[in-house]
C-alpha cells in the first residue's frame, strides 16, 4: 500500500509563510506527477499546484507568484512553499500522487492551513 504523509500546516497571519511537506512510502513503482490540492469549508477540492517527474510545474492562478512546488525524486517527497498568505488560502491541504502505469491516484490525510490575524 502507498501512504502519503503531510506535515507543516498551522496557523499563520496574513502575509506570512508556511511550508508543507509530503512523503510517499510503501509499494511505490514509479511516481509520475505529485501535487497539492486544497478544500475550504463548503467548497470543492481544488488544484493548488502540481509537478511532474521531470520537474514541470502547474499552478492555480490564485497562487501563482506566491506558492512554489518542488519535489525530490530520490526521496519521494514533494513540498509547497507558501508565501504572502491570504485569508482565502485557509483550507485543508492534501498531498496527491499519481503512481504507476495507470496513474493511480493516492491522497494524504490532509493538513489544516489557517490564515488569520
Protein backbone atom coordinates (compact mmCIF):
# COMPACT_ATOMS: atom_id res chain seq x y z
CA UNK A 1 0.00 0.00 0.00
CA UNK A 2 1.09 3.55 -0.70
CA UNK A 3 1.00 6.13 2.05
CA UNK A 4 1.31 9.88 1.74
CA UNK A 5 2.06 11.73 4.96
CA UNK A 6 1.81 15.51 5.09
CA UNK A 7 3.33 17.90 7.60
CA UNK A 8 3.77 21.62 8.08
CA UNK A 9 0.28 23.06 8.38
CA UNK A 10 -0.75 25.52 11.06
CA UNK A 11 -1.95 29.00 11.88
CA UNK A 12 -0.27 32.00 10.29
CA UNK A 13 -1.05 35.69 9.99
CA UNK A 14 -1.88 37.26 6.64
CA UNK A 15 1.30 37.93 4.71
CA UNK A 16 3.13 35.14 6.46
CA UNK A 17 4.68 31.95 5.14
CA UNK A 18 4.32 28.23 5.64
CA UNK A 19 6.00 25.20 4.10
CA UNK A 20 4.11 21.96 3.57
CA UNK A 21 5.88 18.68 3.02
CA UNK A 22 4.67 15.27 1.91
CA UNK A 23 6.50 11.95 1.92
CA UNK A 24 5.37 8.91 -0.04
CA UNK A 25 6.14 5.43 1.26
CA UNK A 26 5.10 1.85 0.71
CA UNK A 27 4.91 -0.11 -2.52
CA UNK A 28 5.93 2.59 -4.96
CA UNK A 29 6.61 1.80 -8.57
CA UNK A 30 7.08 4.98 -10.49
CA UNK A 31 5.65 8.18 -9.11
CA UNK A 32 4.57 10.34 -12.00
CA UNK A 33 3.02 13.66 -11.00
CA UNK A 34 2.81 14.86 -7.42
CA UNK A 35 0.85 17.81 -6.22
CA UNK A 36 -1.18 19.70 -3.70
CA UNK A 37 -4.91 20.29 -3.59
CA UNK A 38 -7.00 22.16 -1.05
CA UNK A 39 -10.54 22.21 0.20
CA UNK A 40 -12.10 25.08 2.09
CA UNK A 41 -15.30 24.63 4.12
CA UNK A 42 -18.32 24.41 1.87
CA UNK A 43 -16.22 24.32 -1.29
CA UNK A 44 -14.99 21.67 -3.67
CA UNK A 45 -11.43 20.39 -3.57
CA UNK A 46 -9.30 22.38 -5.99
CA UNK A 47 -5.87 22.05 -7.51
CA UNK A 48 -3.16 24.23 -6.00
CA UNK A 49 0.00 23.06 -7.76
CA UNK A 50 1.45 20.00 -9.45
CA UNK A 51 4.92 18.90 -10.52
CA UNK A 52 5.84 16.10 -12.92
CA UNK A 53 8.70 13.65 -12.51
CA UNK A 54 10.68 15.81 -14.92
CA UNK A 55 10.04 18.96 -12.93
CA UNK A 56 7.36 20.68 -14.98
CA UNK A 57 5.04 22.68 -12.74
CA UNK A 58 1.48 23.90 -12.91
CA UNK A 59 -0.19 26.37 -10.55
CA UNK A 60 -3.67 27.63 -9.90
CA UNK A 61 -3.98 31.26 -10.95
CA UNK A 62 -4.82 32.24 -7.38
CA UNK A 63 -1.42 31.12 -6.07
CA UNK A 64 0.92 32.00 -8.94
CA UNK A 65 3.82 34.10 -7.77
CA UNK A 66 3.19 33.25 -4.12
CA UNK A 67 3.50 29.46 -3.91
CA UNK A 68 6.33 27.25 -5.13
CA UNK A 69 6.13 23.49 -5.51
CA UNK A 70 9.19 21.28 -5.54
CA UNK A 71 9.94 17.57 -5.34
CA UNK A 72 12.81 15.25 -4.57
CA UNK A 73 12.50 12.17 -6.75
CA UNK A 74 15.15 10.26 -4.82
CA UNK A 75 13.26 10.71 -1.54
CA UNK A 76 9.72 10.54 -2.98
CA UNK A 77 8.82 13.86 -1.39
CA UNK A 78 7.02 16.97 -2.53
CA UNK A 79 6.93 20.36 -0.83
CA UNK A 80 4.89 23.52 -1.14
CA UNK A 81 6.40 26.82 -0.07
CA UNK A 82 3.59 29.28 0.56
CA UNK A 83 4.41 32.97 0.86
CA UNK A 84 2.27 36.09 1.15
CA UNK A 85 -0.56 34.01 2.54
CA UNK A 86 -4.08 35.39 2.43
CA UNK A 87 -7.16 34.51 4.49
CA UNK A 88 -8.66 32.92 1.38
CA UNK A 89 -5.83 30.39 1.40
CA UNK A 90 -7.36 28.87 4.52
CA UNK A 91 -8.21 25.25 3.78
CA UNK A 92 -7.25 21.66 4.34
CA UNK A 93 -4.34 20.91 2.04
CA UNK A 94 -4.00 17.43 0.56
CA UNK A 95 -0.95 15.82 -0.98
CA UNK A 96 -1.59 13.83 -4.13
CA UNK A 97 0.48 11.38 -6.15
CA UNK A 98 -0.15 9.64 -9.45
CA UNK A 99 1.69 6.37 -9.47
CA UNK A 100 2.35 3.63 -11.94
CA UNK A 101 1.39 2.80 -15.47
CA UNK A 102 -2.25 3.80 -14.98
CA UNK A 103 -1.58 6.92 -12.90
CA UNK A 104 -3.39 5.53 -9.88
CA UNK A 105 -4.18 8.43 -7.55
CA UNK A 106 -3.29 8.46 -3.89
CA UNK A 107 -4.11 11.06 -1.25
CA UNK A 108 -2.68 12.10 2.05
CA UNK A 109 -4.83 12.64 5.12
CA UNK A 110 -4.75 16.42 4.81
CA UNK A 111 -3.21 19.20 6.86
CA UNK A 112 -5.00 22.33 8.03
CA UNK A 113 -3.72 25.74 6.98
CA UNK A 114 -5.39 28.71 8.65
CA UNK A 115 -4.54 32.28 7.69
CA UNK A 116 -5.95 34.71 10.21
CA UNK A 117 -4.98 37.68 12.31
